[in-house]
């Protein structure tokens, strides 16, 4: 993806994540106030994270908590304010949906106070004012993990 001089890459490589950068953003978010650095690191360790990078610098993050079969919960999605309106959040969501370990997941859920329009574009439906769900009817048609 590019916007002139900016090319953004989405990666599932955990080694590329700048966890300090991610934590600094998330610790100041409305959804994770009070989360400690240790709790954040553990949450990433137990998740499937993706990062967004521009010129080698991380500019976005998202993660999924999942059993890899029945359910996936999207969490901690953010894009650096200086890089918003470039489609990066959509690319992060696409990266999560395309993660090979999550190909068989049928139900995807998330909570958001303000980004419903973005998630609707990716097949999520409102369950109430906070929760959204996406059903991937093709999940069972994909090759099993084992």
Protein backbone atom coordinates (compact mmCIF):
# COMPACT_ATOMS: atom_id res chain seq x y z
CA UNK A 1 0.00 0.00 0.00
CA UNK A 2 1.33 3.42 -0.71
CA UNK A 3 0.35 7.06 -0.41
CA UNK A 4 3.05 8.65 -2.47
CA UNK A 5 6.19 8.33 -0.36
CA UNK A 6 4.64 6.04 2.29
CA UNK A 7 4.65 2.29 1.78
CA UNK A 8 3.05 0.24 4.54
CA UNK A 9 3.79 -3.41 5.20
CA UNK A 10 1.71 -5.75 7.38
CA UNK A 11 3.62 -8.55 9.11
CA UNK A 12 2.85 -11.43 11.47
CA UNK A 13 6.54 -11.66 12.47
CA UNK A 14 6.60 -11.35 16.28
CA UNK A 15 10.30 -10.46 16.22
CA UNK A 16 9.52 -7.22 14.38
CA UNK A 17 7.07 -5.94 16.99
CA UNK A 18 8.21 -2.90 18.96
CA UNK A 19 6.48 -3.88 22.18
CA UNK A 20 7.54 -0.70 23.98
CA UNK A 21 5.94 1.43 21.28
CA UNK A 22 2.78 -0.72 21.31
CA UNK A 23 2.51 -0.64 25.08
CA UNK A 24 2.97 3.13 25.23
CA UNK A 25 0.03 3.55 22.87
CA UNK A 26 -2.20 0.92 24.43
CA UNK A 27 -1.53 2.02 28.03
CA UNK A 28 -2.99 5.42 27.11
CA UNK A 29 -6.03 4.04 25.29
CA UNK A 30 -9.57 4.14 26.63
CA UNK A 31 -9.87 0.36 26.43
CA UNK A 32 -6.71 -0.66 28.30
CA UNK A 33 -6.22 1.94 31.03
CA UNK A 34 -4.45 0.33 33.97
CA UNK A 35 -2.95 -2.57 32.01
CA UNK A 36 0.63 -3.11 33.15
CA UNK A 37 3.56 -3.71 30.81
CA UNK A 38 3.83 -7.28 32.08
CA UNK A 39 0.15 -7.88 31.38
CA UNK A 40 0.50 -6.40 27.91
CA UNK A 41 3.54 -8.54 27.10
CA UNK A 42 1.73 -11.66 28.31
CA UNK A 43 -1.37 -10.79 26.25
CA UNK A 44 0.77 -10.52 23.11
CA UNK A 45 2.56 -13.76 23.93
CA UNK A 46 -0.79 -15.58 24.14
CA UNK A 47 -2.17 -14.00 20.96
CA UNK A 48 -1.66 -13.83 17.22
CA UNK A 49 -0.30 -10.29 16.65
CA UNK A 50 0.22 -8.31 13.47
CA UNK A 51 2.18 -5.12 13.03
CA UNK A 52 2.04 -2.35 10.44
CA UNK A 53 5.35 -0.82 9.35
CA UNK A 54 6.31 2.22 7.32
CA UNK A 55 9.96 2.63 6.32
CA UNK A 56 10.93 0.08 8.97
CA UNK A 57 9.09 1.89 11.77
CA UNK A 58 6.06 0.34 13.44
CA UNK A 59 2.93 2.45 12.91
CA UNK A 60 0.13 0.07 13.90
CA UNK A 61 -0.77 -3.07 15.79
CA UNK A 62 -3.59 -5.57 16.28
CA UNK A 63 -3.92 -8.99 17.85
CA UNK A 64 -6.31 -11.92 18.07
CA UNK A 65 -6.99 -14.24 20.99
CA UNK A 66 -8.20 -17.58 19.65
CA UNK A 67 -8.54 -21.32 20.11
CA UNK A 68 -7.76 -21.46 16.36
CA UNK A 69 -10.96 -23.37 15.60
CA UNK A 70 -14.21 -21.97 16.95
CA UNK A 71 -13.64 -18.39 18.06
CA UNK A 72 -11.32 -15.43 17.59
CA UNK A 73 -11.42 -12.18 19.53
CA UNK A 74 -9.84 -9.11 17.90
CA UNK A 75 -8.16 -6.77 20.39
CA UNK A 76 -5.86 -3.78 20.78
CA UNK A 77 -6.17 -2.46 17.23
CA UNK A 78 -4.46 0.89 16.77
CA UNK A 79 -2.78 3.05 14.15
CA UNK A 80 -0.35 5.85 14.96
CA UNK A 81 -2.21 9.18 14.62
CA UNK A 82 0.35 10.41 12.05
CA UNK A 83 -0.50 7.46 9.79
CA UNK A 84 -4.28 7.38 9.98
CA UNK A 85 -6.55 7.62 6.94
CA UNK A 86 -4.17 5.51 4.84
CA UNK A 87 -6.13 2.26 5.12
CA UNK A 88 -3.73 0.78 7.66
CA UNK A 89 -6.44 -0.37 10.10
CA UNK A 90 -8.15 -2.23 7.26
CA UNK A 91 -4.85 -3.84 6.30
CA UNK A 92 -4.30 -4.92 9.93
CA UNK A 93 -7.75 -6.54 10.03
CA UNK A 94 -7.12 -8.25 6.68
CA UNK A 95 -3.79 -9.49 8.07
CA UNK A 96 -5.53 -11.03 11.07
CA UNK A 97 -8.20 -12.66 8.90
CA UNK A 98 -5.51 -14.09 6.60
CA UNK A 99 -3.34 -15.48 9.40
CA UNK A 100 -2.72 -19.15 8.49
CA UNK A 101 -3.29 -20.36 12.06
CA UNK A 102 -6.75 -18.76 12.06
CA UNK A 103 -8.03 -20.02 8.70
CA UNK A 104 -10.53 -22.45 10.29
CA UNK A 105 -12.04 -19.95 12.74
CA UNK A 106 -15.74 -19.47 12.06
CA UNK A 107 -16.73 -16.76 14.58
CA UNK A 108 -14.75 -13.56 15.02
CA UNK A 109 -15.74 -11.09 17.73
CA UNK A 110 -14.61 -7.69 18.96
CA UNK A 111 -15.65 -4.76 21.10
CA UNK A 112 -15.44 -1.14 19.98
CA UNK A 113 -16.96 2.15 21.01
CA UNK A 114 -16.10 4.05 17.86
CA UNK A 115 -14.89 2.00 14.89
CA UNK A 116 -18.02 0.11 13.84
CA UNK A 117 -17.93 1.48 10.26
CA UNK A 118 -14.43 0.04 9.73
CA UNK A 119 -15.38 -3.39 11.00
CA UNK A 120 -18.63 -3.49 9.05
CA UNK A 121 -16.52 -3.17 5.89
CA UNK A 122 -14.83 -6.43 6.95
CA UNK A 123 -18.04 -8.40 7.46
CA UNK A 124 -18.72 -7.69 11.13
CA UNK A 125 -22.30 -7.16 12.28
CA UNK A 126 -23.40 -5.26 15.37
CA UNK A 127 -24.55 -7.44 18.26
CA UNK A 128 -25.20 -4.38 20.43
CA UNK A 129 -23.67 -0.91 20.91
CA UNK A 130 -20.29 -2.42 21.85
CA UNK A 131 -19.92 -5.96 20.49
CA UNK A 132 -19.60 -7.05 16.87
CA UNK A 133 -19.30 -10.48 15.23
CA UNK A 134 -18.19 -11.81 11.86
CA UNK A 135 -19.16 -15.32 10.75
CA UNK A 136 -16.82 -16.94 8.23
CA UNK A 137 -18.99 -19.60 6.63
CA UNK A 138 -16.05 -20.82 4.53
CA UNK A 139 -13.86 -21.65 7.56
CA UNK A 140 -14.85 -25.33 7.69
CA UNK A 141 -14.05 -25.73 3.99
CA UNK A 142 -10.38 -24.90 4.55
CA UNK A 143 -7.74 -27.51 5.31
CA UNK A 144 -7.60 -28.55 8.96
CA UNK A 145 -4.62 -27.41 11.03
CA UNK A 146 -3.48 -31.04 11.46
